[in-house]
Each structure stands twice: as C-alpha cells, then as structure tokens.
C-alpha cells in the first residue's frame, strides 16, 4: 500500500474531484479506482467522496494498492542516482534490459526494482534499450507516473563514427522497416523526428555528441546518425562497428523534471561510462553537470 498526502491549497472551496483532477493531475481512471477501494481517499483522516467540498488546509490522503509484481532478484546491483517518495532514478548499465522478455526473465531492471520495493508496481517513466546505459526513471505510484509522463527532459551522449559538424539538427521522418519488427529507417511516410546535437570532443575515429531530442521515436538517435553517415560506435544494427565497443555507444547522461509533489525542479546527472570514455584516449572530456 502506498500513501500519498496532499494538502489543499485553494482560497475558495472546491469539490474533491476538481482539486484532484483539475489541480493535482490525478487521472479520472485513478480517481474511479480509488473511489471503489475501501479507504482509498480520506480527508483529515475520514473517508470523503469525490463530490464533497474540500477547504484550504484540508489534508487529503490517497491510499494506492499495487497489484502487479515482478520476480525479485537480489543478486543484481544498479546504482541509484536520485530518489524521493515519488520516484527513483537508476543509473542503468549497458546490457541490462528494463523489462523482462522471453530471453530475459530475471536479469532486468524490473527484477532489481522488485527486490528493492517488493510492495510497489514497476512503472518506468522513460525506457532505454538494453544496450543503452544511463538514467532510467521509475515512478513509485500511479499518480507520480501520470504527472511525470512526457514532462522529463533528457540529454543523451553518443560516440559516433567520423567527424561531425560542431552542431546541427537532423529533421528526418522515421518509419518501421517493412520487413522487420525491430529495425527503423528514414522514410518519407514516417513520423516526423527531430534531433539536435552539438559536438563535444573528437578523436581519430569518433566524435562525442551531446543530443537533445525534440521528438521521441523508437531508435531515433541511432537511425538519425546512421542517416547522416555517422552511425553510433558499436551499433552494428545500423552500420556501426564493434571494433572498440561491444554495444551502441549511447548514454542517457542528464535528466530534468519537476518533483510531482512539490513542483520543485530537479536535475540528475550520470557520468559517461568507461567503455565510451575509452573511445577518446587523448582525454579532454569535461563533464558538465
């Protein structure tokens, strides 16, 4: 059971439903679920209906029951970059899937989350490919998941083949390859996809790019850089070579969002992993937090 405490902060009395849905972003689906649950919503310690009036200073408590769980795996170890009552941000290593699948039943971030928080449902706010490393946010309850969805700004870092311009924007539509359920490609009938980048560092073989996504299509970074002739190092799915790194050299290195309860801005950072740093042996990487 997860309890969320909200204090009414309105000058004029409003209905509970207007306060929760209109002011706090609670979905109507979640509100319906809470109404059907005994003790799901209380005001100042007493059960309250959604049509009842609430007043400034009233304390509303939402009691959320989570009913879906993953098999916990205590042998895993994933660093936590940030945590509060509403969410946890993991610094996921490359090679670890976020979700269980047919081939990965017990070695995922979800399985580690189930070990740390056996009473909670696994609710990823952002998803990373198995071989992409870096920051992955998990909401601790349905309300936090709702409020955080689409409100998290992420900055990625990628080592790409060759020498790229100092900065640029790739605006090219992405579609699924017609004969594949995995591969994506640039095609005129695809969904609009926009990637902004700037070059941070270069070596004889690679450039290090800082990437800001305007849209969030599947494999967008990988497809876009392959499209301009600079595939990610290690990304053999899209033309990259694995001579120096056995995975796509892609890392989610910074994440900014507003705390779902307080509204305070939060920024979380993650250092480049050693396998990407090693592609630039001359050094010169200055990490900007």
C-alpha atoms as a PDB file:
ATOM      1  CA  UNK A   1       0.000   0.000   0.000  1.00  0.00           C
ATOM      2  CA  UNK A   2       1.369   3.426  -0.998  1.00  0.00           C
ATOM      3  CA  UNK A   3       0.043   6.558   0.757  1.00  0.00           C
ATOM      4  CA  UNK A   4       0.198   9.983  -0.893  1.00  0.00           C
ATOM      5  CA  UNK A   5      -0.571  13.030   1.242  1.00  0.00           C
ATOM      6  CA  UNK A   6      -1.840  16.204  -0.459  1.00  0.00           C
ATOM      7  CA  UNK A   7      -2.691  19.465   1.302  1.00  0.00           C
ATOM      8  CA  UNK A   8      -5.485  21.527  -0.220  1.00  0.00           C
ATOM      9  CA  UNK A   9      -4.056  24.884  -1.289  1.00  0.00           C
ATOM     10  CA  UNK A  10      -7.008  26.809  -2.665  1.00  0.00           C
ATOM     11  CA  UNK A  11      -8.559  30.036  -1.414  1.00  0.00           C
ATOM     12  CA  UNK A  12     -12.075  29.084  -2.478  1.00  0.00           C
ATOM     13  CA  UNK A  13     -13.704  25.751  -1.531  1.00  0.00           C
ATOM     14  CA  UNK A  14     -13.821  23.243  -4.399  1.00  0.00           C
ATOM     15  CA  UNK A  15     -15.056  19.697  -4.831  1.00  0.00           C
ATOM     16  CA  UNK A  16     -12.562  16.951  -4.116  1.00  0.00           C
ATOM     17  CA  UNK A  17     -12.778  15.844  -7.743  1.00  0.00           C
ATOM     18  CA  UNK A  18     -11.908  19.327  -9.016  1.00  0.00           C
ATOM     19  CA  UNK A  19      -8.979  19.535  -6.602  1.00  0.00           C
ATOM     20  CA  UNK A  20      -7.552  16.134  -7.516  1.00  0.00           C
ATOM     21  CA  UNK A  21      -8.224  16.105 -11.261  1.00  0.00           C
ATOM     22  CA  UNK A  22      -8.048  19.806 -12.069  1.00  0.00           C
ATOM     23  CA  UNK A  23      -5.284  20.930  -9.727  1.00  0.00           C
ATOM     24  CA  UNK A  24      -3.173  17.850  -8.954  1.00  0.00           C
ATOM     25  CA  UNK A  25      -3.350  15.986 -12.255  1.00  0.00           C
ATOM     26  CA  UNK A  26      -4.961  12.801 -10.929  1.00  0.00           C
ATOM     27  CA  UNK A  27      -6.448  10.856 -13.847  1.00  0.00           C
ATOM     28  CA  UNK A  28     -10.162  10.085 -13.786  1.00  0.00           C
ATOM     29  CA  UNK A  29      -9.295   6.410 -14.143  1.00  0.00           C
ATOM     30  CA  UNK A  30      -7.209   6.519 -10.967  1.00  0.00           C
ATOM     31  CA  UNK A  31      -9.891   8.530  -9.179  1.00  0.00           C
ATOM     32  CA  UNK A  32     -12.501   5.901 -10.064  1.00  0.00           C
ATOM     33  CA  UNK A  33     -10.191   3.164  -8.792  1.00  0.00           C
ATOM     34  CA  UNK A  34      -9.637   4.996  -5.501  1.00  0.00           C
ATOM     35  CA  UNK A  35     -13.383   5.569  -5.008  1.00  0.00           C
ATOM     36  CA  UNK A  36     -14.047   1.841  -5.341  1.00  0.00           C
ATOM     37  CA  UNK A  37     -11.326   0.974  -2.856  1.00  0.00           C
ATOM     38  CA  UNK A  38     -12.235   0.996   0.832  1.00  0.00           C
ATOM     39  CA  UNK A  39     -10.359   3.855   2.479  1.00  0.00           C
ATOM     40  CA  UNK A  40      -8.920   4.878  -0.890  1.00  0.00           C
ATOM     41  CA  UNK A  41      -9.429   8.605  -0.233  1.00  0.00           C
ATOM     42  CA  UNK A  42      -9.622  10.320   3.135  1.00  0.00           C
ATOM     43  CA  UNK A  43      -9.871  13.940   4.248  1.00  0.00           C
ATOM     44  CA  UNK A  44      -8.369  14.776   7.636  1.00  0.00           C
ATOM     45  CA  UNK A  45      -8.485  11.071   8.482  1.00  0.00           C
ATOM     46  CA  UNK A  46     -12.097  10.440   7.412  1.00  0.00           C
ATOM     47  CA  UNK A  47     -13.475   8.892   4.223  1.00  0.00           C
ATOM     48  CA  UNK A  48     -14.524  11.514   1.679  1.00  0.00           C
ATOM     49  CA  UNK A  49     -16.475  11.401  -1.596  1.00  0.00           C
ATOM     50  CA  UNK A  50     -15.337  12.997  -4.844  1.00  0.00           C
ATOM     51  CA  UNK A  51     -18.404  15.289  -4.819  1.00  0.00           C
ATOM     52  CA  UNK A  52     -17.679  16.572  -1.298  1.00  0.00           C
ATOM     53  CA  UNK A  53     -16.274  20.064  -0.807  1.00  0.00           C
ATOM     54  CA  UNK A  54     -12.711  20.455   0.437  1.00  0.00           C
ATOM     55  CA  UNK A  55     -11.223  23.556   2.033  1.00  0.00           C
ATOM     56  CA  UNK A  56      -7.846  25.237   2.225  1.00  0.00           C
ATOM     57  CA  UNK A  57      -5.618  23.315   4.648  1.00  0.00           C
ATOM     58  CA  UNK A  58      -7.522  20.010   4.400  1.00  0.00           C
ATOM     59  CA  UNK A  59      -5.198  17.011   4.229  1.00  0.00           C
ATOM     60  CA  UNK A  60      -6.178  14.506   1.535  1.00  0.00           C
ATOM     61  CA  UNK A  61      -4.605  11.056   1.654  1.00  0.00           C
ATOM     62  CA  UNK A  62      -4.691   8.713  -1.353  1.00  0.00           C
ATOM     63  CA  UNK A  63      -4.057   5.047  -0.499  1.00  0.00           C
ATOM     64  CA  UNK A  64      -2.922   3.179  -3.596  1.00  0.00           C
ATOM     65  CA  UNK A  65      -2.929  -0.585  -3.838  1.00  0.00           C
ATOM     66  CA  UNK A  66      -0.412  -2.054  -6.310  1.00  0.00           C
ATOM     67  CA  UNK A  67      -1.430  -5.391  -7.741  1.00  0.00           C
ATOM     68  CA  UNK A  68       1.189  -6.440 -10.281  1.00  0.00           C
ATOM     69  CA  UNK A  69       4.678  -7.600  -9.360  1.00  0.00           C
ATOM     70  CA  UNK A  70       7.873  -8.936 -10.914  1.00  0.00           C
ATOM     71  CA  UNK A  71      10.098 -11.688  -9.592  1.00  0.00           C
ATOM     72  CA  UNK A  72      12.689 -10.016  -7.314  1.00  0.00           C
ATOM     73  CA  UNK A  73      16.394 -10.600  -7.952  1.00  0.00           C
ATOM     74  CA  UNK A  74      18.670  -9.626  -5.054  1.00  0.00           C
ATOM     75  CA  UNK A  75      21.862 -10.608  -6.907  1.00  0.00           C
ATOM     76  CA  UNK A  76      21.634  -7.578  -9.193  1.00  0.00           C
ATOM     77  CA  UNK A  77      23.102  -4.206  -8.278  1.00  0.00           C
ATOM     78  CA  UNK A  78      22.154  -0.989 -10.068  1.00  0.00           C
ATOM     79  CA  UNK A  79      23.272   2.403  -8.674  1.00  0.00           C
ATOM     80  CA  UNK A  80      20.556   4.856  -7.646  1.00  0.00           C
ATOM     81  CA  UNK A  81      21.228   8.375  -8.941  1.00  0.00           C
ATOM     82  CA  UNK A  82      18.240  10.037  -7.237  1.00  0.00           C
ATOM     83  CA  UNK A  83      15.305   9.014  -5.067  1.00  0.00           C
ATOM     84  CA  UNK A  84      12.397  10.533  -3.181  1.00  0.00           C
ATOM     85  CA  UNK A  85       8.918   9.439  -2.083  1.00  0.00           C
ATOM     86  CA  UNK A  86       7.521   9.590  -5.630  1.00  0.00           C
ATOM     87  CA  UNK A  87      10.245   8.154  -7.839  1.00  0.00           C
ATOM     88  CA  UNK A  88      13.653   6.576  -8.183  1.00  0.00           C
ATOM     89  CA  UNK A  89      16.201   7.219 -10.944  1.00  0.00           C
ATOM     90  CA  UNK A  90      18.562   4.334 -11.631  1.00  0.00           C
ATOM     91  CA  UNK A  91      21.903   4.587 -13.424  1.00  0.00           C
ATOM     92  CA  UNK A  92      21.366   1.538 -15.622  1.00  0.00           C
ATOM     93  CA  UNK A  93      24.408  -0.254 -17.048  1.00  0.00           C
ATOM     94  CA  UNK A  94      24.600  -1.158 -20.710  1.00  0.00           C
ATOM     95  CA  UNK A  95      23.498  -4.725 -21.379  1.00  0.00           C
ATOM     96  CA  UNK A  96      20.654  -4.760 -18.856  1.00  0.00           C
ATOM     97  CA  UNK A  97      17.076  -4.779 -20.208  1.00  0.00           C
ATOM     98  CA  UNK A  98      14.498  -2.587 -18.492  1.00  0.00           C
ATOM     99  CA  UNK A  99      11.621  -5.074 -18.889  1.00  0.00           C
ATOM    100  CA  UNK A 100      11.561  -8.874 -18.701  1.00  0.00           C
ATOM    101  CA  UNK A 101      11.153 -10.683 -22.018  1.00  0.00           C
ATOM    102  CA  UNK A 102      11.272 -14.237 -23.323  1.00  0.00           C
ATOM    103  CA  UNK A 103      15.084 -14.165 -23.280  1.00  0.00           C
ATOM    104  CA  UNK A 104      15.421 -12.113 -20.093  1.00  0.00           C
ATOM    105  CA  UNK A 105      13.252 -13.343 -17.242  1.00  0.00           C
ATOM    106  CA  UNK A 106      15.231 -12.441 -14.144  1.00  0.00           C
ATOM    107  CA  UNK A 107      18.111 -10.124 -15.054  1.00  0.00           C
ATOM    108  CA  UNK A 108      16.283  -6.875 -15.751  1.00  0.00           C
ATOM    109  CA  UNK A 109      15.960  -3.528 -14.031  1.00  0.00           C
ATOM    110  CA  UNK A 110      12.386  -4.532 -13.235  1.00  0.00           C
ATOM    111  CA  UNK A 111      13.599  -7.561 -11.300  1.00  0.00           C
ATOM    112  CA  UNK A 112      16.018  -5.423  -9.277  1.00  0.00           C
ATOM    113  CA  UNK A 113      13.272  -2.872  -8.588  1.00  0.00           C
ATOM    114  CA  UNK A 114      11.052  -5.710  -7.322  1.00  0.00           C
ATOM    115  CA  UNK A 115      13.813  -6.669  -4.881  1.00  0.00           C
ATOM    116  CA  UNK A 116      14.193  -3.134  -3.540  1.00  0.00           C
ATOM    117  CA  UNK A 117      10.484  -2.296  -3.447  1.00  0.00           C
ATOM    118  CA  UNK A 118       8.513  -5.553  -3.097  1.00  0.00           C
ATOM    119  CA  UNK A 119       5.303  -3.656  -2.334  1.00  0.00           C
ATOM    120  CA  UNK A 120       5.364  -1.492  -5.470  1.00  0.00           C
ATOM    121  CA  UNK A 121       4.460  -1.927  -9.128  1.00  0.00           C
ATOM    122  CA  UNK A 122       7.227  -1.330 -11.689  1.00  0.00           C
ATOM    123  CA  UNK A 123       6.298   1.846 -13.626  1.00  0.00           C
ATOM    124  CA  UNK A 124       9.110   3.103 -15.897  1.00  0.00           C
ATOM    125  CA  UNK A 125       8.691   6.731 -16.939  1.00  0.00           C
ATOM    126  CA  UNK A 126      11.392   6.532 -19.615  1.00  0.00           C
ATOM    127  CA  UNK A 127      12.694   3.385 -21.303  1.00  0.00           C
ATOM    128  CA  UNK A 128      16.189   2.652 -22.521  1.00  0.00           C
ATOM    129  CA  UNK A 129      17.254  -0.027 -24.987  1.00  0.00           C
ATOM    130  CA  UNK A 130      19.039  -2.958 -23.361  1.00  0.00           C
ATOM    131  CA  UNK A 131      22.487  -1.773 -24.509  1.00  0.00           C
ATOM    132  CA  UNK A 132      21.896   1.928 -23.809  1.00  0.00           C
ATOM    133  CA  UNK A 133      23.282   2.978 -20.441  1.00  0.00           C
ATOM    134  CA  UNK A 134      22.297   5.783 -18.128  1.00  0.00           C
ATOM    135  CA  UNK A 135      19.393   7.337 -16.287  1.00  0.00           C
ATOM    136  CA  UNK A 136      16.088   5.482 -16.126  1.00  0.00           C
ATOM    137  CA  UNK A 137      13.243   6.861 -14.009  1.00  0.00           C
ATOM    138  CA  UNK A 138      10.686   4.646 -12.254  1.00  0.00           C
ATOM    139  CA  UNK A 139       7.567   6.121 -10.655  1.00  0.00           C
ATOM    140  CA  UNK A 140       6.619   4.653  -7.292  1.00  0.00           C
ATOM    141  CA  UNK A 141       2.868   5.028  -7.784  1.00  0.00           C
ATOM    142  CA  UNK A 142       0.251   5.635 -10.458  1.00  0.00           C
ATOM    143  CA  UNK A 143      -0.166   9.332  -9.669  1.00  0.00           C
ATOM    144  CA  UNK A 144       3.552  10.079  -9.971  1.00  0.00           C
ATOM    145  CA  UNK A 145       3.649   8.113 -13.232  1.00  0.00           C
ATOM    146  CA  UNK A 146       0.796  10.208 -14.612  1.00  0.00           C
ATOM    147  CA  UNK A 147       2.332  13.538 -13.586  1.00  0.00           C
ATOM    148  CA  UNK A 148       5.822  12.672 -14.860  1.00  0.00           C
ATOM    149  CA  UNK A 149       4.787  11.250 -18.232  1.00  0.00           C
ATOM    150  CA  UNK A 150       6.061  13.454 -21.026  1.00  0.00           C
ATOM    151  CA  UNK A 151       7.462  16.027 -18.575  1.00  0.00           C
ATOM    152  CA  UNK A 152      11.018  14.738 -18.278  1.00  0.00           C
ATOM    153  CA  UNK A 153      13.732  16.358 -20.405  1.00  0.00           C
ATOM    154  CA  UNK A 154      16.634  14.035 -21.194  1.00  0.00           C
ATOM    155  CA  UNK A 155      20.081  14.707 -22.635  1.00  0.00           C
ATOM    156  CA  UNK A 156      21.955  11.851 -24.317  1.00  0.00           C
ATOM    157  CA  UNK A 157      25.608  11.367 -25.179  1.00  0.00           C
ATOM    158  CA  UNK A 158      26.765   9.238 -28.103  1.00  0.00           C
ATOM    159  CA  UNK A 159      30.098   8.316 -29.646  1.00  0.00           C
ATOM    160  CA  UNK A 160      29.587   8.273 -33.407  1.00  0.00           C
ATOM    161  CA  UNK A 161      31.846   7.268 -36.281  1.00  0.00           C
ATOM    162  CA  UNK A 162      33.761  10.012 -38.045  1.00  0.00           C
ATOM    163  CA  UNK A 163      33.954  13.764 -37.712  1.00  0.00           C
ATOM    164  CA  UNK A 164      30.593  15.529 -37.396  1.00  0.00           C
ATOM    165  CA  UNK A 165      29.869  19.291 -37.582  1.00  0.00           C
ATOM    166  CA  UNK A 166      30.180  21.316 -34.394  1.00  0.00           C
ATOM    167  CA  UNK A 167      26.384  21.404 -34.114  1.00  0.00           C
ATOM    168  CA  UNK A 168      23.361  20.507 -36.163  1.00  0.00           C
ATOM    169  CA  UNK A 169      19.743  19.402 -36.399  1.00  0.00           C
ATOM    170  CA  UNK A 170      18.575  16.200 -38.061  1.00  0.00           C
ATOM    171  CA  UNK A 171      14.961  16.536 -39.200  1.00  0.00           C
ATOM    172  CA  UNK A 172      14.035  13.292 -40.952  1.00  0.00           C
ATOM    173  CA  UNK A 173      10.868  11.153 -40.621  1.00  0.00           C
ATOM    174  CA  UNK A 174      11.271   7.665 -39.132  1.00  0.00           C
ATOM    175  CA  UNK A 175       9.276   4.580 -40.095  1.00  0.00           C
ATOM    176  CA  UNK A 176       9.457   0.864 -39.411  1.00  0.00           C
ATOM    177  CA  UNK A 177      11.334  -1.222 -41.954  1.00  0.00           C
ATOM    178  CA  UNK A 178       8.595  -3.059 -43.825  1.00  0.00           C
ATOM    179  CA  UNK A 179      10.168  -6.488 -43.375  1.00  0.00           C
ATOM    180  CA  UNK A 180      11.187  -6.083 -39.728  1.00  0.00           C
ATOM    181  CA  UNK A 181       9.527  -5.573 -36.356  1.00  0.00           C
ATOM    182  CA  UNK A 182      12.766  -4.154 -34.878  1.00  0.00           C
ATOM    183  CA  UNK A 183      14.538  -2.056 -37.498  1.00  0.00           C
ATOM    184  CA  UNK A 184      13.606   1.556 -38.180  1.00  0.00           C
ATOM    185  CA  UNK A 185      14.595   3.726 -41.136  1.00  0.00           C
ATOM    186  CA  UNK A 186      14.272   7.229 -42.521  1.00  0.00           C
ATOM    187  CA  UNK A 187      11.367   7.274 -44.959  1.00  0.00           C
ATOM    188  CA  UNK A 188       9.078   9.989 -46.296  1.00  0.00           C
ATOM    189  CA  UNK A 189       5.915   8.343 -44.965  1.00  0.00           C
ATOM    190  CA  UNK A 190       7.328   8.024 -41.445  1.00  0.00           C
ATOM    191  CA  UNK A 191       6.606  10.078 -38.324  1.00  0.00           C
ATOM    192  CA  UNK A 192       8.393  13.398 -38.004  1.00  0.00           C
ATOM    193  CA  UNK A 193      11.542  13.077 -35.926  1.00  0.00           C
ATOM    194  CA  UNK A 194      13.909  15.893 -34.906  1.00  0.00           C
ATOM    195  CA  UNK A 195      17.307  15.502 -33.227  1.00  0.00           C
ATOM    196  CA  UNK A 196      19.508  18.425 -32.124  1.00  0.00           C
ATOM    197  CA  UNK A 197      23.169  17.852 -31.316  1.00  0.00           C
ATOM    198  CA  UNK A 198      26.490  19.513 -30.642  1.00  0.00           C
ATOM    199  CA  UNK A 199      29.955  18.035 -30.841  1.00  0.00           C
ATOM    200  CA  UNK A 200      31.853  17.932 -27.549  1.00  0.00           C
ATOM    201  CA  UNK A 201      35.001  16.050 -28.482  1.00  0.00           C
ATOM    202  CA  UNK A 202      36.696  14.251 -31.331  1.00  0.00           C
ATOM    203  CA  UNK A 203      39.314  11.533 -31.785  1.00  0.00           C
ATOM    204  CA  UNK A 204      40.839   9.886 -34.826  1.00  0.00           C
ATOM    205  CA  UNK A 205      37.793   7.647 -35.304  1.00  0.00           C
ATOM    206  CA  UNK A 206      34.924   9.082 -33.280  1.00  0.00           C
ATOM    207  CA  UNK A 207      33.040  12.207 -32.267  1.00  0.00           C
ATOM    208  CA  UNK A 208      31.281  12.646 -28.942  1.00  0.00           C
ATOM    209  CA  UNK A 209      27.868  14.279 -29.390  1.00  0.00           C
ATOM    210  CA  UNK A 210      25.533  15.802 -26.814  1.00  0.00           C
ATOM    211  CA  UNK A 211      21.986  15.159 -28.019  1.00  0.00           C
ATOM    212  CA  UNK A 212      18.654  16.849 -27.318  1.00  0.00           C
ATOM    213  CA  UNK A 213      15.598  15.100 -28.717  1.00  0.00           C
ATOM    214  CA  UNK A 214      12.702  17.243 -29.881  1.00  0.00           C
ATOM    215  CA  UNK A 215      10.693  14.077 -30.581  1.00  0.00           C
ATOM    216  CA  UNK A 216      10.972  10.579 -29.140  1.00  0.00           C
ATOM    217  CA  UNK A 217      10.735   7.945 -31.865  1.00  0.00           C
ATOM    218  CA  UNK A 218      11.963   4.367 -31.445  1.00  0.00           C
ATOM    219  CA  UNK A 219      15.725   4.164 -32.148  1.00  0.00           C
ATOM    220  CA  UNK A 220      15.656   7.847 -33.140  1.00  0.00           C
ATOM    221  CA  UNK A 221      19.260   8.696 -32.226  1.00  0.00           C
ATOM    222  CA  UNK A 222      20.619   5.529 -33.780  1.00  0.00           C
ATOM    223  CA  UNK A 223      18.648   5.927 -37.011  1.00  0.00           C
ATOM    224  CA  UNK A 224      19.337   9.642 -37.411  1.00  0.00           C
ATOM    225  CA  UNK A 225      23.100   9.447 -37.002  1.00  0.00           C
ATOM    226  CA  UNK A 226      23.268   6.467 -39.329  1.00  0.00           C
ATOM    227  CA  UNK A 227      21.249   8.545 -41.792  1.00  0.00           C
ATOM    228  CA  UNK A 228      23.899  11.311 -41.867  1.00  0.00           C
ATOM    229  CA  UNK A 229      26.709   8.773 -42.281  1.00  0.00           C
ATOM    230  CA  UNK A 230      27.843   8.764 -38.650  1.00  0.00           C
ATOM    231  CA  UNK A 231      26.416   5.618 -37.036  1.00  0.00           C
ATOM    232  CA  UNK A 232      26.963   5.045 -33.351  1.00  0.00           C
ATOM    233  CA  UNK A 233      30.098   3.157 -32.423  1.00  0.00           C
ATOM    234  CA  UNK A 234      29.213  -0.465 -31.665  1.00  0.00           C
ATOM    235  CA  UNK A 235      25.753  -0.199 -33.245  1.00  0.00           C
ATOM    236  CA  UNK A 236      26.026  -2.974 -35.818  1.00  0.00           C
ATOM    237  CA  UNK A 237      22.239  -2.926 -36.294  1.00  0.00           C
ATOM    238  CA  UNK A 238      22.591   0.437 -38.037  1.00  0.00           C
ATOM    239  CA  UNK A 239      26.040   0.219 -39.579  1.00  0.00           C
ATOM    240  CA  UNK A 240      28.336   0.904 -36.622  1.00  0.00           C
ATOM    241  CA  UNK A 241      31.452  -1.188 -35.992  1.00  0.00           C
ATOM    242  CA  UNK A 242      32.149  -3.154 -32.825  1.00  0.00           C
ATOM    243  CA  UNK A 243      35.926  -2.924 -33.100  1.00  0.00           C
ATOM    244  CA  UNK A 244      36.239  -0.823 -29.937  1.00  0.00           C
ATOM    245  CA  UNK A 245      32.985  -1.265 -28.025  1.00  0.00           C
ATOM    246  CA  UNK A 246      30.559  -4.233 -27.939  1.00  0.00           C
ATOM    247  CA  UNK A 247      27.350  -2.157 -27.706  1.00  0.00           C
ATOM    248  CA  UNK A 248      25.911   1.031 -29.143  1.00  0.00           C
ATOM    249  CA  UNK A 249      27.815   3.885 -27.523  1.00  0.00           C
ATOM    250  CA  UNK A 250      24.749   5.693 -26.208  1.00  0.00           C
ATOM    251  CA  UNK A 251      24.240   7.046 -22.699  1.00  0.00           C
ATOM    252  CA  UNK A 252      21.390   8.986 -21.047  1.00  0.00           C
ATOM    253  CA  UNK A 253      23.505  11.410 -19.063  1.00  0.00           C
ATOM    254  CA  UNK A 254      21.176  14.096 -17.771  1.00  0.00           C
ATOM    255  CA  UNK A 255      17.531  14.268 -16.765  1.00  0.00           C
ATOM    256  CA  UNK A 256      15.490  17.294 -15.667  1.00  0.00           C
ATOM    257  CA  UNK A 257      11.940  17.284 -14.290  1.00  0.00           C
ATOM    258  CA  UNK A 258       9.655  18.808 -11.695  1.00  0.00           C
ATOM    259  CA  UNK A 259       9.025  16.909  -8.490  1.00  0.00           C
ATOM    260  CA  UNK A 260       5.445  15.576  -8.824  1.00  0.00           C
ATOM    261  CA  UNK A 261       4.538  16.520  -5.254  1.00  0.00           C
ATOM    262  CA  UNK A 262       6.349  19.811  -4.649  1.00  0.00           C
ATOM    263  CA  UNK A 263       6.824  21.098  -8.196  1.00  0.00           C
ATOM    264  CA  UNK A 264      10.470  21.852  -7.409  1.00  0.00           C
ATOM    265  CA  UNK A 265      12.885  21.475 -10.373  1.00  0.00           C
ATOM    266  CA  UNK A 266      15.264  18.506 -10.198  1.00  0.00           C
ATOM    267  CA  UNK A 267      18.275  17.724 -12.382  1.00  0.00           C
ATOM    268  CA  UNK A 268      20.060  14.368 -12.196  1.00  0.00           C
ATOM    269  CA  UNK A 269      23.363  13.569 -13.933  1.00  0.00           C
ATOM    270  CA  UNK A 270      25.277  10.400 -14.745  1.00  0.00           C
ATOM    271  CA  UNK A 271      28.953  10.173 -15.701  1.00  0.00           C
ATOM    272  CA  UNK A 272      29.922   8.721 -19.049  1.00  0.00           C
ATOM    273  CA  UNK A 273      30.700   5.023 -18.592  1.00  0.00           C
ATOM    274  CA  UNK A 274      34.269   3.853 -19.053  1.00  0.00           C
ATOM    275  CA  UNK A 275      33.602   1.963 -22.296  1.00  0.00           C
ATOM    276  CA  UNK A 276      32.549   5.196 -24.019  1.00  0.00           C
ATOM    277  CA  UNK A 277      35.323   7.246 -22.401  1.00  0.00           C
ATOM    278  CA  UNK A 278      37.860   4.731 -23.697  1.00  0.00           C
ATOM    279  CA  UNK A 279      36.990   5.704 -27.284  1.00  0.00           C
ATOM    280  CA  UNK A 280      38.679   9.065 -26.621  1.00  0.00           C
ATOM    281  CA  UNK A 281      42.114   8.075 -25.256  1.00  0.00           C
ATOM    282  CA  UNK A 282      43.566  11.567 -25.553  1.00  0.00           C
ATOM    283  CA  UNK A 283      41.227  12.719 -22.793  1.00  0.00           C
ATOM    284  CA  UNK A 284      39.707  16.149 -22.789  1.00  0.00           C
ATOM    285  CA  UNK A 285      36.265  15.079 -21.607  1.00  0.00           C
ATOM    286  CA  UNK A 286      34.992  17.721 -19.210  1.00  0.00           C
ATOM    287  CA  UNK A 287      31.715  16.584 -17.678  1.00  0.00           C
ATOM    288  CA  UNK A 288      29.248  19.453 -17.281  1.00  0.00           C
ATOM    289  CA  UNK A 289      26.667  18.977 -14.542  1.00  0.00           C
END
